[in-house]
Amino acid sequence: MQIDLNRDGEKLTAVMHGRIDTVSAPEAEEILLNALDGVTDLVLDFEDIQYISSAGLRVLLLAYKKMVPVGTMKLIHVSDVVKDILEITGFLELLNVQDE
């Protein structure tokens, strides 16, 4: 798991690579949540995410809860496999997933 953070003012784009699973989720949570101070527009680029587990879904939920009061959060470039996981778990209805 690798996360490349690109900040432009109050907009943060997090380009995520690999798998967000039990092993990588704690690191992803720490990196992502620590980068959100002053951010009002969060974009998670999932183009290189092949898999997300329940631990990864928890990271998304924590980021979502932190962003809702201050701004927006969206996921882009989500693969069909990951989109299926989001749909089965109900996260697809909660999160803003776009086909950019």
PDB file of N, CA and C in Angstrom:
ATOM      1  N   MET A   1       0.852  -1.179   0.000  1.00  0.00           N
ATOM      2  CA  MET A   1       0.000   0.000   0.000  1.00  0.00           C
ATOM      3  C   MET A   1       0.889   1.230   0.000  1.00  0.00           C
ATOM      4  N   GLN A   2       0.584   2.109  -0.904  1.00  0.00           N
ATOM      5  CA  GLN A   2       1.275   3.391  -0.989  1.00  0.00           C
ATOM      6  C   GLN A   2       0.225   4.458  -1.242  1.00  0.00           C
ATOM      7  N   ILE A   3       0.408   5.628  -0.632  1.00  0.00           N
ATOM      8  CA  ILE A   3      -0.500   6.746  -0.846  1.00  0.00           C
ATOM      9  C   ILE A   3       0.330   7.960  -1.238  1.00  0.00           C
ATOM     10  N   ASP A   4       0.017   8.515  -2.402  1.00  0.00           N
ATOM     11  CA  ASP A   4       0.657   9.757  -2.838  1.00  0.00           C
ATOM     12  C   ASP A   4      -0.323  10.888  -2.594  1.00  0.00           C
ATOM     13  N   LEU A   5       0.077  11.853  -1.770  1.00  0.00           N
ATOM     14  CA  LEU A   5      -0.791  12.968  -1.428  1.00  0.00           C
ATOM     15  C   LEU A   5      -0.421  14.190  -2.260  1.00  0.00           C
ATOM     16  N   ASN A   6      -1.424  14.792  -2.885  1.00  0.00           N
ATOM     17  CA  ASN A   6      -1.244  16.010  -3.672  1.00  0.00           C
ATOM     18  C   ASN A   6      -2.206  17.064  -3.138  1.00  0.00           C
ATOM     19  N   ARG A   7      -1.641  18.096  -2.506  1.00  0.00           N
ATOM     20  CA  ARG A   7      -2.488  19.127  -1.912  1.00  0.00           C
ATOM     21  C   ARG A   7      -2.428  20.400  -2.739  1.00  0.00           C
ATOM     22  N   ASP A   8      -3.597  20.969  -2.976  1.00  0.00           N
ATOM     23  CA  ASP A   8      -3.716  22.226  -3.687  1.00  0.00           C
ATOM     24  C   ASP A   8      -4.694  23.095  -2.904  1.00  0.00           C
ATOM     25  N   GLY A   9      -4.166  23.910  -2.012  1.00  0.00           N
ATOM     26  CA  GLY A   9      -5.015  24.717  -1.138  1.00  0.00           C
ATOM     27  C   GLY A   9      -5.795  23.828  -0.201  1.00  0.00           C
ATOM     28  N   GLU A  10      -7.124  23.893  -0.288  1.00  0.00           N
ATOM     29  CA  GLU A  10      -7.987  23.092   0.582  1.00  0.00           C
ATOM     30  C   GLU A  10      -8.399  21.769  -0.055  1.00  0.00           C
ATOM     31  N   LYS A  11      -7.865  21.494  -1.252  1.00  0.00           N
ATOM     32  CA  LYS A  11      -8.182  20.243  -1.943  1.00  0.00           C
ATOM     33  C   LYS A  11      -7.024  19.264  -1.774  1.00  0.00           C
ATOM     34  N   LEU A  12      -7.356  18.043  -1.368  1.00  0.00           N
ATOM     35  CA  LEU A  12      -6.361  16.987  -1.227  1.00  0.00           C
ATOM     36  C   LEU A  12      -6.763  15.820  -2.117  1.00  0.00           C
ATOM     37  N   THR A  13      -5.847  15.413  -2.983  1.00  0.00           N
ATOM     38  CA  THR A  13      -6.040  14.215  -3.787  1.00  0.00           C
ATOM     39  C   THR A  13      -5.090  13.151  -3.266  1.00  0.00           C
ATOM     40  N   ALA A  14      -5.646  12.028  -2.874  1.00  0.00           N
ATOM     41  CA  ALA A  14      -4.855  10.902  -2.374  1.00  0.00           C
ATOM     42  C   ALA A  14      -4.910   9.796  -3.417  1.00  0.00           C
ATOM     43  N   VAL A  15      -3.783   9.581  -4.090  1.00  0.00           N
ATOM     44  CA  VAL A  15      -3.688   8.526  -5.086  1.00  0.00           C
ATOM     45  C   VAL A  15      -3.204   7.277  -4.354  1.00  0.00           C
ATOM     46  N   MET A  16      -4.057   6.270  -4.330  1.00  0.00           N
ATOM     47  CA  MET A  16      -3.783   5.082  -3.530  1.00  0.00           C
ATOM     48  C   MET A  16      -3.385   3.918  -4.435  1.00  0.00           C
ATOM     49  N   HIS A  17      -2.427   3.128  -3.955  1.00  0.00           N
ATOM     50  CA  HIS A  17      -1.885   2.021  -4.751  1.00  0.00           C
ATOM     51  C   HIS A  17      -1.914   0.723  -3.949  1.00  0.00           C
ATOM     52  N   GLY A  18      -2.245  -0.377  -4.605  1.00  0.00           N
ATOM     53  CA  GLY A  18      -2.163  -1.692  -3.972  1.00  0.00           C
ATOM     54  C   GLY A  18      -3.479  -2.177  -3.417  1.00  0.00           C
ATOM     55  N   ARG A  19      -3.385  -2.715  -2.201  1.00  0.00           N
ATOM     56  CA  ARG A  19      -4.541  -3.281  -1.516  1.00  0.00           C
ATOM     57  C   ARG A  19      -4.751  -2.550  -0.196  1.00  0.00           C
ATOM     58  N   ILE A  20      -6.007  -2.315   0.141  1.00  0.00           N
ATOM     59  CA  ILE A  20      -6.323  -1.765   1.460  1.00  0.00           C
ATOM     60  C   ILE A  20      -6.952  -2.910   2.242  1.00  0.00           C
ATOM     61  N   ASP A  21      -6.126  -3.568   3.039  1.00  0.00           N
ATOM     62  CA  ASP A  21      -6.574  -4.750   3.767  1.00  0.00           C
ATOM     63  C   ASP A  21      -6.149  -4.645   5.226  1.00  0.00           C
ATOM     64  N   THR A  22      -6.263  -5.736   5.950  1.00  0.00           N
ATOM     65  CA  THR A  22      -5.953  -5.747   7.379  1.00  0.00           C
ATOM     66  C   THR A  22      -4.522  -5.308   7.657  1.00  0.00           C
ATOM     67  N   VAL A  23      -3.615  -5.664   6.780  1.00  0.00           N
ATOM     68  CA  VAL A  23      -2.201  -5.313   6.977  1.00  0.00           C
ATOM     69  C   VAL A  23      -1.952  -3.836   6.700  1.00  0.00           C
ATOM     70  N   SER A  24      -2.514  -3.308   5.622  1.00  0.00           N
ATOM     71  CA  SER A  24      -2.196  -1.944   5.204  1.00  0.00           C
ATOM     72  C   SER A  24      -3.150  -0.876   5.736  1.00  0.00           C
ATOM     73  N   ALA A  25      -4.323  -1.258   6.206  1.00  0.00           N
ATOM     74  CA  ALA A  25      -5.327  -0.283   6.638  1.00  0.00           C
ATOM     75  C   ALA A  25      -4.853   0.630   7.771  1.00  0.00           C
ATOM     76  N   PRO A  26      -4.163   0.126   8.796  1.00  0.00           N
ATOM     77  CA  PRO A  26      -3.715   1.045   9.853  1.00  0.00           C
ATOM     78  C   PRO A  26      -2.791   2.152   9.334  1.00  0.00           C
ATOM     79  N   GLU A  27      -1.887   1.803   8.437  1.00  0.00           N
ATOM     80  CA  GLU A  27      -0.996   2.811   7.858  1.00  0.00           C
ATOM     81  C   GLU A  27      -1.782   3.787   6.982  1.00  0.00           C
ATOM     82  N   ALA A  28      -2.710   3.261   6.188  1.00  0.00           N
ATOM     83  CA  ALA A  28      -3.542   4.112   5.334  1.00  0.00           C
ATOM     84  C   ALA A  28      -4.360   5.077   6.185  1.00  0.00           C
ATOM     85  N   GLU A  29      -4.910   4.580   7.277  1.00  0.00           N
ATOM     86  CA  GLU A  29      -5.693   5.424   8.182  1.00  0.00           C
ATOM     87  C   GLU A  29      -4.839   6.549   8.752  1.00  0.00           C
ATOM     88  N   GLU A  30      -3.662   6.205   9.220  1.00  0.00           N
ATOM     89  CA  GLU A  30      -2.779   7.209   9.813  1.00  0.00           C
ATOM     90  C   GLU A  30      -2.380   8.276   8.799  1.00  0.00           C
ATOM     91  N   ILE A  31      -1.958   7.853   7.629  1.00  0.00           N
ATOM     92  CA  ILE A  31      -1.523   8.806   6.594  1.00  0.00           C
ATOM     93  C   ILE A  31      -2.686   9.696   6.164  1.00  0.00           C
ATOM     94  N   LEU A  32      -3.805   9.080   5.860  1.00  0.00           N
ATOM     95  CA  LEU A  32      -4.941   9.825   5.324  1.00  0.00           C
ATOM     96  C   LEU A  32      -5.553  10.775   6.347  1.00  0.00           C
ATOM     97  N   LEU A  33      -5.853  10.274   7.524  1.00  0.00           N
ATOM     98  CA  LEU A  33      -6.518  11.112   8.518  1.00  0.00           C
ATOM     99  C   LEU A  33      -5.622  12.241   9.010  1.00  0.00           C
ATOM    100  N   ASN A  34      -4.323  12.011   9.081  1.00  0.00           N
ATOM    101  CA  ASN A  34      -3.405  13.074   9.501  1.00  0.00           C
ATOM    102  C   ASN A  34      -3.258  14.161   8.445  1.00  0.00           C
ATOM    103  N   ALA A  35      -3.605  13.862   7.215  1.00  0.00           N
ATOM    104  CA  ALA A  35      -3.465  14.833   6.127  1.00  0.00           C
ATOM    105  C   ALA A  35      -4.711  15.687   5.925  1.00  0.00           C
ATOM    106  N   LEU A  36      -5.773  15.441   6.680  1.00  0.00           N
ATOM    107  CA  LEU A  36      -7.054  16.100   6.419  1.00  0.00           C
ATOM    108  C   LEU A  36      -7.235  17.454   7.084  1.00  0.00           C
ATOM    109  N   ASP A  37      -6.334  17.874   7.927  1.00  0.00           N
ATOM    110  CA  ASP A  37      -6.480  19.178   8.584  1.00  0.00           C
ATOM    111  C   ASP A  37      -6.510  20.289   7.535  1.00  0.00           C
ATOM    112  N   GLY A  38      -7.559  21.097   7.564  1.00  0.00           N
ATOM    113  CA  GLY A  38      -7.703  22.203   6.635  1.00  0.00           C
ATOM    114  C   GLY A  38      -8.217  21.814   5.264  1.00  0.00           C
ATOM    115  N   VAL A  39      -8.533  20.543   5.061  1.00  0.00           N
ATOM    116  CA  VAL A  39      -9.025  20.068   3.768  1.00  0.00           C
ATOM    117  C   VAL A  39     -10.551  20.151   3.740  1.00  0.00           C
ATOM    118  N   THR A  40     -11.083  20.722   2.650  1.00  0.00           N
ATOM    119  CA  THR A  40     -12.538  20.765   2.474  1.00  0.00           C
ATOM    120  C   THR A  40     -12.997  19.958   1.261  1.00  0.00           C
ATOM    121  N   ASP A  41     -12.038  19.505   0.455  1.00  0.00           N
ATOM    122  CA  ASP A  41     -12.361  18.722  -0.740  1.00  0.00           C
ATOM    123  C   ASP A  41     -11.366  17.567  -0.830  1.00  0.00           C
ATOM    124  N   LEU A  42     -11.841  16.359  -0.532  1.00  0.00           N
ATOM    125  CA  LEU A  42     -10.992  15.171  -0.546  1.00  0.00           C
ATOM    126  C   LEU A  42     -11.361  14.296  -1.742  1.00  0.00           C
ATOM    127  N   VAL A  43     -10.344  13.966  -2.542  1.00  0.00           N
ATOM    128  CA  VAL A  43     -10.522  13.073  -3.678  1.00  0.00           C
ATOM    129  C   VAL A  43      -9.629  11.860  -3.455  1.00  0.00           C
ATOM    130  N   LEU A  44     -10.239  10.685  -3.433  1.00  0.00           N
ATOM    131  CA  LEU A  44      -9.491   9.442  -3.308  1.00  0.00           C
ATOM    132  C   LEU A  44      -9.451   8.784  -4.686  1.00  0.00           C
ATOM    133  N   ASP A  45      -8.254   8.691  -5.244  1.00  0.00           N
ATOM    134  CA  ASP A  45      -8.076   8.093  -6.571  1.00  0.00           C
ATOM    135  C   ASP A  45      -7.739   6.617  -6.386  1.00  0.00           C
ATOM    136  N   PHE A  46      -8.669   5.753  -6.776  1.00  0.00           N
ATOM    137  CA  PHE A  46      -8.558   4.306  -6.571  1.00  0.00           C
ATOM    138  C   PHE A  46      -8.134   3.563  -7.839  1.00  0.00           C
ATOM    139  N   GLU A  47      -7.563   4.264  -8.813  1.00  0.00           N
ATOM    140  CA  GLU A  47      -7.226   3.615 -10.080  1.00  0.00           C
ATOM    141  C   GLU A  47      -6.327   2.392  -9.893  1.00  0.00           C
ATOM    142  N   ASP A  48      -5.451   2.436  -8.895  1.00  0.00           N
ATOM    143  CA  ASP A  48      -4.504   1.340  -8.676  1.00  0.00           C
ATOM    144  C   ASP A  48      -4.853   0.497  -7.444  1.00  0.00           C
ATOM    145  N   ILE A  49      -6.107   0.552  -6.999  1.00  0.00           N
ATOM    146  CA  ILE A  49      -6.542  -0.287  -5.871  1.00  0.00           C
ATOM    147  C   ILE A  49      -7.206  -1.539  -6.434  1.00  0.00           C
ATOM    148  N   GLN A  50      -6.614  -2.690  -6.109  1.00  0.00           N
ATOM    149  CA  GLN A  50      -7.153  -3.947  -6.619  1.00  0.00           C
ATOM    150  C   GLN A  50      -8.156  -4.602  -5.659  1.00  0.00           C
ATOM    151  N   TYR A  51      -8.075  -4.232  -4.366  1.00  0.00           N
ATOM    152  CA  TYR A  51      -8.897  -4.917  -3.369  1.00  0.00           C
ATOM    153  C   TYR A  51      -9.042  -4.020  -2.148  1.00  0.00           C
ATOM    154  N   ILE A  52     -10.209  -4.098  -1.509  1.00  0.00           N
ATOM    155  CA  ILE A  52     -10.429  -3.413  -0.245  1.00  0.00           C
ATOM    156  C   ILE A  52     -11.175  -4.360   0.688  1.00  0.00           C
ATOM    157  N   SER A  53     -10.666  -4.516   1.900  1.00  0.00           N
ATOM    158  CA  SER A  53     -11.295  -5.400   2.885  1.00  0.00           C
ATOM    159  C   SER A  53     -12.156  -4.571   3.833  1.00  0.00           C
ATOM    160  N   SER A  54     -12.745  -5.235   4.819  1.00  0.00           N
ATOM    161  CA  SER A  54     -13.547  -4.517   5.812  1.00  0.00           C
ATOM    162  C   SER A  54     -12.691  -3.514   6.583  1.00  0.00           C
ATOM    163  N   ALA A  55     -11.424  -3.819   6.788  1.00  0.00           N
ATOM    164  CA  ALA A  55     -10.528  -2.871   7.458  1.00  0.00           C
ATOM    165  C   ALA A  55     -10.334  -1.629   6.590  1.00  0.00           C
ATOM    166  N   GLY A  56     -10.268  -1.818   5.290  1.00  0.00           N
ATOM    167  CA  GLY A  56     -10.163  -0.690   4.372  1.00  0.00           C
ATOM    168  C   GLY A  56     -11.445   0.122   4.329  1.00  0.00           C
ATOM    169  N   LEU A  57     -12.586  -0.558   4.385  1.00  0.00           N
ATOM    170  CA  LEU A  57     -13.871   0.139   4.421  1.00  0.00           C
ATOM    171  C   LEU A  57     -13.973   1.014   5.670  1.00  0.00           C
ATOM    172  N   ARG A  58     -13.411   0.536   6.767  1.00  0.00           N
ATOM    173  CA  ARG A  58     -13.385   1.322   8.007  1.00  0.00           C
ATOM    174  C   ARG A  58     -12.613   2.619   7.799  1.00  0.00           C
ATOM    175  N   VAL A  59     -11.500   2.551   7.080  1.00  0.00           N
ATOM    176  CA  VAL A  59     -10.706   3.750   6.792  1.00  0.00           C
ATOM    177  C   VAL A  59     -11.543   4.745   5.979  1.00  0.00           C
ATOM    178  N   LEU A  60     -12.262   4.245   4.977  1.00  0.00           N
ATOM    179  CA  LEU A  60     -13.125   5.118   4.183  1.00  0.00           C
ATOM    180  C   LEU A  60     -14.204   5.761   5.040  1.00  0.00           C
ATOM    181  N   LEU A  61     -14.785   4.981   5.939  1.00  0.00           N
ATOM    182  CA  LEU A  61     -15.833   5.504   6.812  1.00  0.00           C
ATOM    183  C   LEU A  61     -15.291   6.579   7.747  1.00  0.00           C
ATOM    184  N   LEU A  62     -14.112   6.367   8.299  1.00  0.00           N
ATOM    185  CA  LEU A  62     -13.509   7.373   9.178  1.00  0.00           C
ATOM    186  C   LEU A  62     -13.217   8.664   8.423  1.00  0.00           C
ATOM    187  N   ALA A  63     -12.690   8.544   7.212  1.00  0.00           N
ATOM    188  CA  ALA A  63     -12.419   9.730   6.398  1.00  0.00           C
ATOM    189  C   ALA A  63     -13.727  10.439   6.054  1.00  0.00           C
ATOM    190  N   TYR A  64     -14.744   9.679   5.711  1.00  0.00           N
ATOM    191  CA  TYR A  64     -16.053  10.240   5.381  1.00  0.00           C
ATOM    192  C   TYR A  64     -16.619  11.014   6.568  1.00  0.00           C
ATOM    193  N   LYS A  65     -16.560  10.417   7.748  1.00  0.00           N
ATOM    194  CA  LYS A  65     -17.080  11.083   8.951  1.00  0.00           C
ATOM    195  C   LYS A  65     -16.322  12.369   9.264  1.00  0.00           C
ATOM    196  N   LYS A  66     -15.046  12.386   8.970  1.00  0.00           N
ATOM    197  CA  LYS A  66     -14.246  13.583   9.216  1.00  0.00           C
ATOM    198  C   LYS A  66     -14.535  14.665   8.170  1.00  0.00           C
ATOM    199  N   MET A  67     -14.863  14.264   6.944  1.00  0.00           N
ATOM    200  CA  MET A  67     -15.089  15.229   5.871  1.00  0.00           C
ATOM    201  C   MET A  67     -16.508  15.794   5.835  1.00  0.00           C
ATOM    202  N   VAL A  68     -17.499  15.025   6.232  1.00  0.00           N
ATOM    203  CA  VAL A  68     -18.900  15.459   6.125  1.00  0.00           C
ATOM    204  C   VAL A  68     -19.148  16.831   6.760  1.00  0.00           C
ATOM    205  N   PRO A  69     -18.650  17.106   7.963  1.00  0.00           N
ATOM    206  CA  PRO A  69     -18.945  18.414   8.556  1.00  0.00           C
ATOM    207  C   PRO A  69     -18.227  19.595   7.885  1.00  0.00           C
ATOM    208  N   VAL A  70     -17.161  19.329   7.142  1.00  0.00           N
ATOM    209  CA  VAL A  70     -16.342  20.436   6.628  1.00  0.00           C
ATOM    210  C   VAL A  70     -16.305  20.543   5.111  1.00  0.00           C
ATOM    211  N   GLY A  71     -16.759  19.513   4.402  1.00  0.00           N
ATOM    212  CA  GLY A  71     -16.648  19.579   2.951  1.00  0.00           C
ATOM    213  C   GLY A  71     -17.124  18.329   2.255  1.00  0.00           C
ATOM    214  N   THR A  72     -16.385  17.944   1.212  1.00  0.00           N
ATOM    215  CA  THR A  72     -16.802  16.827   0.373  1.00  0.00           C
ATOM    216  C   THR A  72     -15.704  15.769   0.258  1.00  0.00           C
ATOM    217  N   MET A  73     -16.144  14.575  -0.073  1.00  0.00           N
ATOM    218  CA  MET A  73     -15.216  13.467  -0.316  1.00  0.00           C
ATOM    219  C   MET A  73     -15.772  12.666  -1.482  1.00  0.00           C
ATOM    220  N   LYS A  74     -14.900  12.338  -2.434  1.00  0.00           N
ATOM    221  CA  LYS A  74     -15.340  11.493  -3.545  1.00  0.00           C
ATOM    222  C   LYS A  74     -14.251  10.500  -3.899  1.00  0.00           C
ATOM    223  N   LEU A  75     -14.675   9.381  -4.468  1.00  0.00           N
ATOM    224  CA  LEU A  75     -13.771   8.352  -4.963  1.00  0.00           C
ATOM    225  C   LEU A  75     -13.843   8.370  -6.483  1.00  0.00           C
ATOM    226  N   ILE A  76     -12.684   8.303  -7.119  1.00  0.00           N
ATOM    227  CA  ILE A  76     -12.636   8.275  -8.573  1.00  0.00           C
ATOM    228  C   ILE A  76     -11.828   7.072  -9.036  1.00  0.00           C
ATOM    229  N   HIS A  77     -12.029   6.694 -10.293  1.00  0.00           N
ATOM    230  CA  HIS A  77     -11.302   5.584 -10.920  1.00  0.00           C
ATOM    231  C   HIS A  77     -11.433   4.277 -10.135  1.00  0.00           C
ATOM    232  N   VAL A  78     -12.628   3.973  -9.678  1.00  0.00           N
ATOM    233  CA  VAL A  78     -12.875   2.774  -8.880  1.00  0.00           C
ATOM    234  C   VAL A  78     -13.112   1.588  -9.825  1.00  0.00           C
ATOM    235  N   SER A  79     -12.351   0.524  -9.630  1.00  0.00           N
ATOM    236  CA  SER A  79     -12.491  -0.663 -10.481  1.00  0.00           C
ATOM    237  C   SER A  79     -13.832  -1.344 -10.224  1.00  0.00           C
ATOM    238  N   ASP A  80     -14.237  -2.175 -11.159  1.00  0.00           N
ATOM    239  CA  ASP A  80     -15.496  -2.912 -11.014  1.00  0.00           C
ATOM    240  C   ASP A  80     -15.462  -3.838  -9.801  1.00  0.00           C
ATOM    241  N   VAL A  81     -14.316  -4.450  -9.536  1.00  0.00           N
ATOM    242  CA  VAL A  81     -14.184  -5.350  -8.384  1.00  0.00           C
ATOM    243  C   VAL A  81     -14.411  -4.585  -7.081  1.00  0.00           C
ATOM    244  N   VAL A  82     -13.755  -3.444  -6.939  1.00  0.00           N
ATOM    245  CA  VAL A  82     -13.909  -2.639  -5.724  1.00  0.00           C
ATOM    246  C   VAL A  82     -15.319  -2.062  -5.660  1.00  0.00           C
ATOM    247  N   LYS A  83     -15.856  -1.654  -6.794  1.00  0.00           N
ATOM    248  CA  LYS A  83     -17.218  -1.116  -6.831  1.00  0.00           C
ATOM    249  C   LYS A  83     -18.224  -2.176  -6.373  1.00  0.00           C
ATOM    250  N   ASP A  84     -18.004  -3.428  -6.759  1.00  0.00           N
ATOM    251  CA  ASP A  84     -18.874  -4.515  -6.312  1.00  0.00           C
ATOM    252  C   ASP A  84     -18.827  -4.657  -4.788  1.00  0.00           C
ATOM    253  N   ILE A  85     -17.631  -4.556  -4.212  1.00  0.00           N
ATOM    254  CA  ILE A  85     -17.483  -4.643  -2.753  1.00  0.00           C
ATOM    255  C   ILE A  85     -18.228  -3.489  -2.096  1.00  0.00           C
ATOM    256  N   LEU A  86     -18.087  -2.290  -2.651  1.00  0.00           N
ATOM    257  CA  LEU A  86     -18.788  -1.124  -2.098  1.00  0.00           C
ATOM    258  C   LEU A  86     -20.300  -1.296  -2.199  1.00  0.00           C
ATOM    259  N   GLU A  87     -20.759  -1.884  -3.293  1.00  0.00           N
ATOM    260  CA  GLU A  87     -22.200  -2.089  -3.472  1.00  0.00           C
ATOM    261  C   GLU A  87     -22.745  -3.124  -2.487  1.00  0.00           C
ATOM    262  N   ILE A  88     -22.053  -4.242  -2.362  1.00  0.00           N
ATOM    263  CA  ILE A  88     -22.502  -5.316  -1.469  1.00  0.00           C
ATOM    264  C   ILE A  88     -22.582  -4.843  -0.019  1.00  0.00           C
ATOM    265  N   THR A  89     -21.648  -3.987   0.374  1.00  0.00           N
ATOM    266  CA  THR A  89     -21.591  -3.526   1.767  1.00  0.00           C
ATOM    267  C   THR A  89     -22.440  -2.285   2.025  1.00  0.00           C
ATOM    268  N   GLY A  90     -23.045  -1.719   0.980  1.00  0.00           N
ATOM    269  CA  GLY A  90     -23.871  -0.528   1.151  1.00  0.00           C
ATOM    270  C   GLY A  90     -23.082   0.776   1.079  1.00  0.00           C
ATOM    271  N   PHE A  91     -21.777   0.686   0.927  1.00  0.00           N
ATOM    272  CA  PHE A  91     -20.954   1.891   0.872  1.00  0.00           C
ATOM    273  C   PHE A  91     -21.171   2.676  -0.411  1.00  0.00           C
ATOM    274  N   LEU A  92     -21.607   2.015  -1.466  1.00  0.00           N
ATOM    275  CA  LEU A  92     -21.837   2.694  -2.735  1.00  0.00           C
ATOM    276  C   LEU A  92     -22.955   3.732  -2.602  1.00  0.00           C
ATOM    277  N   GLU A  93     -23.914   3.473  -1.740  1.00  0.00           N
ATOM    278  CA  GLU A  93     -24.996   4.413  -1.492  1.00  0.00           C
ATOM    279  C   GLU A  93     -24.547   5.563  -0.602  1.00  0.00           C
ATOM    280  N   LEU A  94     -23.579   5.318   0.268  1.00  0.00           N
ATOM    281  CA  LEU A  94     -23.086   6.326   1.209  1.00  0.00           C
ATOM    282  C   LEU A  94     -22.073   7.267   0.573  1.00  0.00           C
ATOM    283  N   LEU A  95     -21.139   6.702  -0.179  1.00  0.00           N
ATOM    284  CA  LEU A  95     -20.018   7.471  -0.718  1.00  0.00           C
ATOM    285  C   LEU A  95     -20.315   8.009  -2.107  1.00  0.00           C
ATOM    286  N   ASN A  96     -19.656   9.094  -2.437  1.00  0.00           N
ATOM    287  CA  ASN A  96     -19.753   9.698  -3.761  1.00  0.00           C
ATOM    288  C   ASN A  96     -18.690   9.043  -4.646  1.00  0.00           C
ATOM    289  N   VAL A  97     -19.109   8.084  -5.476  1.00  0.00           N
ATOM    290  CA  VAL A  97     -18.201   7.365  -6.361  1.00  0.00           C
ATOM    291  C   VAL A  97     -18.459   7.847  -7.782  1.00  0.00           C
ATOM    292  N   GLN A  98     -17.417   8.400  -8.403  1.00  0.00           N
ATOM    293  CA  GLN A  98     -17.561   8.948  -9.756  1.00  0.00           C
ATOM    294  C   GLN A  98     -16.678   8.183 -10.738  1.00  0.00           C
ATOM    295  N   ASP A  99     -17.067   8.204 -11.980  1.00  0.00           N
ATOM    296  CA  ASP A  99     -16.345   7.473 -13.034  1.00  0.00           C
ATOM    297  C   ASP A  99     -15.338   8.340 -13.774  1.00  0.00           C
ATOM    298  N   GLU A 100     -14.710   9.272 -13.101  1.00  0.00           N
ATOM    299  CA  GLU A 100     -13.744  10.158 -13.771  1.00  0.00           C
ATOM    300  C   GLU A 100     -12.560   9.399 -14.275  1.00  0.00           C
TER     301      GLU A 100
END
